[in-house]
């Protein structure tokens, strides 16, 4: 049985100023097709969203100047999703 740990929206709870750069291996993204079976294969809950949805969540948490890129792409792996935002 997989446990579900939903990602919660930061909304107005983000008071501090700074930067956010989460590494998105455990927060799966749809465009990386080779990882879509991970929840079943490894028995873990993963929040699988499109890159645009991850960007929108960061924006809704109050971050600006949001950038995304993928690192380490090779073969059928589109890389680790990196999201950058400023607050």
C-alpha atoms as a PDB file:
ATOM      1  CA  UNK A   1       0.000   0.000   0.000  1.00  0.00           C
ATOM      2  CA  UNK A   2       1.437   3.353  -1.028  1.00  0.00           C
ATOM      3  CA  UNK A   3       1.289   6.240   1.398  1.00  0.00           C
ATOM      4  CA  UNK A   4       0.210   9.526  -0.115  1.00  0.00           C
ATOM      5  CA  UNK A   5       1.991  12.711   0.856  1.00  0.00           C
ATOM      6  CA  UNK A   6       0.373  15.462  -1.191  1.00  0.00           C
ATOM      7  CA  UNK A   7       2.291  18.591  -2.044  1.00  0.00           C
ATOM      8  CA  UNK A   8       0.696  21.469  -0.243  1.00  0.00           C
ATOM      9  CA  UNK A   9       0.430  24.893  -1.774  1.00  0.00           C
ATOM     10  CA  UNK A  10       2.516  27.483   0.040  1.00  0.00           C
ATOM     11  CA  UNK A  11       0.120  30.296  -0.768  1.00  0.00           C
ATOM     12  CA  UNK A  12       0.457  33.197   1.651  1.00  0.00           C
ATOM     13  CA  UNK A  13       2.338  31.034   4.174  1.00  0.00           C
ATOM     14  CA  UNK A  14       5.685  31.865   2.493  1.00  0.00           C
ATOM     15  CA  UNK A  15       6.717  34.941   4.477  1.00  0.00           C
ATOM     16  CA  UNK A  16      10.492  34.925   3.990  1.00  0.00           C
ATOM     17  CA  UNK A  17      12.336  36.410   1.046  1.00  0.00           C
ATOM     18  CA  UNK A  18      14.745  34.247  -0.892  1.00  0.00           C
ATOM     19  CA  UNK A  19      15.061  31.675  -3.623  1.00  0.00           C
ATOM     20  CA  UNK A  20      13.657  28.221  -4.160  1.00  0.00           C
ATOM     21  CA  UNK A  21      15.336  25.545  -6.254  1.00  0.00           C
ATOM     22  CA  UNK A  22      13.718  22.154  -5.639  1.00  0.00           C
ATOM     23  CA  UNK A  23      15.160  19.105  -7.345  1.00  0.00           C
ATOM     24  CA  UNK A  24      12.241  17.313  -8.948  1.00  0.00           C
ATOM     25  CA  UNK A  25      13.068  13.595  -8.941  1.00  0.00           C
ATOM     26  CA  UNK A  26      10.471  12.687  -6.335  1.00  0.00           C
ATOM     27  CA  UNK A  27       7.991  15.233  -7.633  1.00  0.00           C
ATOM     28  CA  UNK A  28       7.571  13.519 -10.978  1.00  0.00           C
ATOM     29  CA  UNK A  29       6.803  15.297 -14.245  1.00  0.00           C
ATOM     30  CA  UNK A  30       4.735  13.949 -17.128  1.00  0.00           C
ATOM     31  CA  UNK A  31       7.201  14.906 -19.871  1.00  0.00           C
ATOM     32  CA  UNK A  32       9.761  12.415 -18.455  1.00  0.00           C
ATOM     33  CA  UNK A  33       7.999   9.319 -19.814  1.00  0.00           C
ATOM     34  CA  UNK A  34      10.630   6.874 -18.511  1.00  0.00           C
ATOM     35  CA  UNK A  35       9.669   7.675 -14.897  1.00  0.00           C
ATOM     36  CA  UNK A  36       5.894   7.433 -15.122  1.00  0.00           C
ATOM     37  CA  UNK A  37       5.980   3.837 -13.859  1.00  0.00           C
ATOM     38  CA  UNK A  38       8.010   4.693 -10.731  1.00  0.00           C
ATOM     39  CA  UNK A  39       5.045   4.888  -8.326  1.00  0.00           C
ATOM     40  CA  UNK A  40       4.039   1.339  -9.240  1.00  0.00           C
ATOM     41  CA  UNK A  41       7.586   0.006  -9.653  1.00  0.00           C
ATOM     42  CA  UNK A  42       8.910   1.384  -6.341  1.00  0.00           C
ATOM     43  CA  UNK A  43       5.671   1.468  -4.344  1.00  0.00           C
ATOM     44  CA  UNK A  44       5.858   5.182  -3.570  1.00  0.00           C
ATOM     45  CA  UNK A  45       3.395   7.996  -4.083  1.00  0.00           C
ATOM     46  CA  UNK A  46       4.596  10.645  -6.514  1.00  0.00           C
ATOM     47  CA  UNK A  47       2.908  13.873  -7.499  1.00  0.00           C
ATOM     48  CA  UNK A  48       3.065  13.584 -11.281  1.00  0.00           C
ATOM     49  CA  UNK A  49       2.338  16.874 -12.999  1.00  0.00           C
ATOM     50  CA  UNK A  50       3.224  18.669 -16.207  1.00  0.00           C
ATOM     51  CA  UNK A  51       6.158  21.092 -15.958  1.00  0.00           C
ATOM     52  CA  UNK A  52       3.678  23.937 -16.467  1.00  0.00           C
ATOM     53  CA  UNK A  53       1.708  22.726 -13.420  1.00  0.00           C
ATOM     54  CA  UNK A  54       4.849  22.654 -11.237  1.00  0.00           C
ATOM     55  CA  UNK A  55       5.657  26.206 -12.423  1.00  0.00           C
ATOM     56  CA  UNK A  56       2.114  27.315 -11.586  1.00  0.00           C
ATOM     57  CA  UNK A  57       2.341  25.872  -8.051  1.00  0.00           C
ATOM     58  CA  UNK A  58       5.571  27.813  -7.436  1.00  0.00           C
ATOM     59  CA  UNK A  59       3.950  30.974  -8.869  1.00  0.00           C
ATOM     60  CA  UNK A  60       0.865  30.527  -6.648  1.00  0.00           C
ATOM     61  CA  UNK A  61       3.191  30.246  -3.643  1.00  0.00           C
ATOM     62  CA  UNK A  62       4.257  33.817  -4.423  1.00  0.00           C
ATOM     63  CA  UNK A  63       7.511  33.260  -6.289  1.00  0.00           C
ATOM     64  CA  UNK A  64       8.491  35.362  -9.313  1.00  0.00           C
ATOM     65  CA  UNK A  65      11.082  35.090 -12.098  1.00  0.00           C
ATOM     66  CA  UNK A  66      10.383  31.368 -12.298  1.00  0.00           C
ATOM     67  CA  UNK A  67      12.627  29.337 -14.571  1.00  0.00           C
ATOM     68  CA  UNK A  68      12.658  25.611 -15.300  1.00  0.00           C
ATOM     69  CA  UNK A  69      15.262  23.415 -16.943  1.00  0.00           C
ATOM     70  CA  UNK A  70      16.181  19.761 -17.130  1.00  0.00           C
ATOM     71  CA  UNK A  71      19.631  18.448 -16.169  1.00  0.00           C
ATOM     72  CA  UNK A  72      21.324  15.178 -17.086  1.00  0.00           C
ATOM     73  CA  UNK A  73      19.165  14.171 -20.039  1.00  0.00           C
ATOM     74  CA  UNK A  74      20.270  11.022 -21.866  1.00  0.00           C
ATOM     75  CA  UNK A  75      18.647   8.258 -23.897  1.00  0.00           C
ATOM     76  CA  UNK A  76      14.976   8.094 -22.861  1.00  0.00           C
ATOM     77  CA  UNK A  77      15.576  10.122 -19.665  1.00  0.00           C
ATOM     78  CA  UNK A  78      14.630  13.786 -20.142  1.00  0.00           C
ATOM     79  CA  UNK A  79      16.592  14.754 -17.033  1.00  0.00           C
ATOM     80  CA  UNK A  80      15.979  15.997 -13.519  1.00  0.00           C
ATOM     81  CA  UNK A  81      13.559  18.912 -13.495  1.00  0.00           C
ATOM     82  CA  UNK A  82      14.929  22.012 -11.767  1.00  0.00           C
ATOM     83  CA  UNK A  83      12.655  24.893 -10.843  1.00  0.00           C
ATOM     84  CA  UNK A  84      14.019  28.288  -9.799  1.00  0.00           C
ATOM     85  CA  UNK A  85      11.948  31.061  -8.247  1.00  0.00           C
ATOM     86  CA  UNK A  86      12.583  34.274  -6.311  1.00  0.00           C
ATOM     87  CA  UNK A  87      10.587  35.780  -3.508  1.00  0.00           C
END
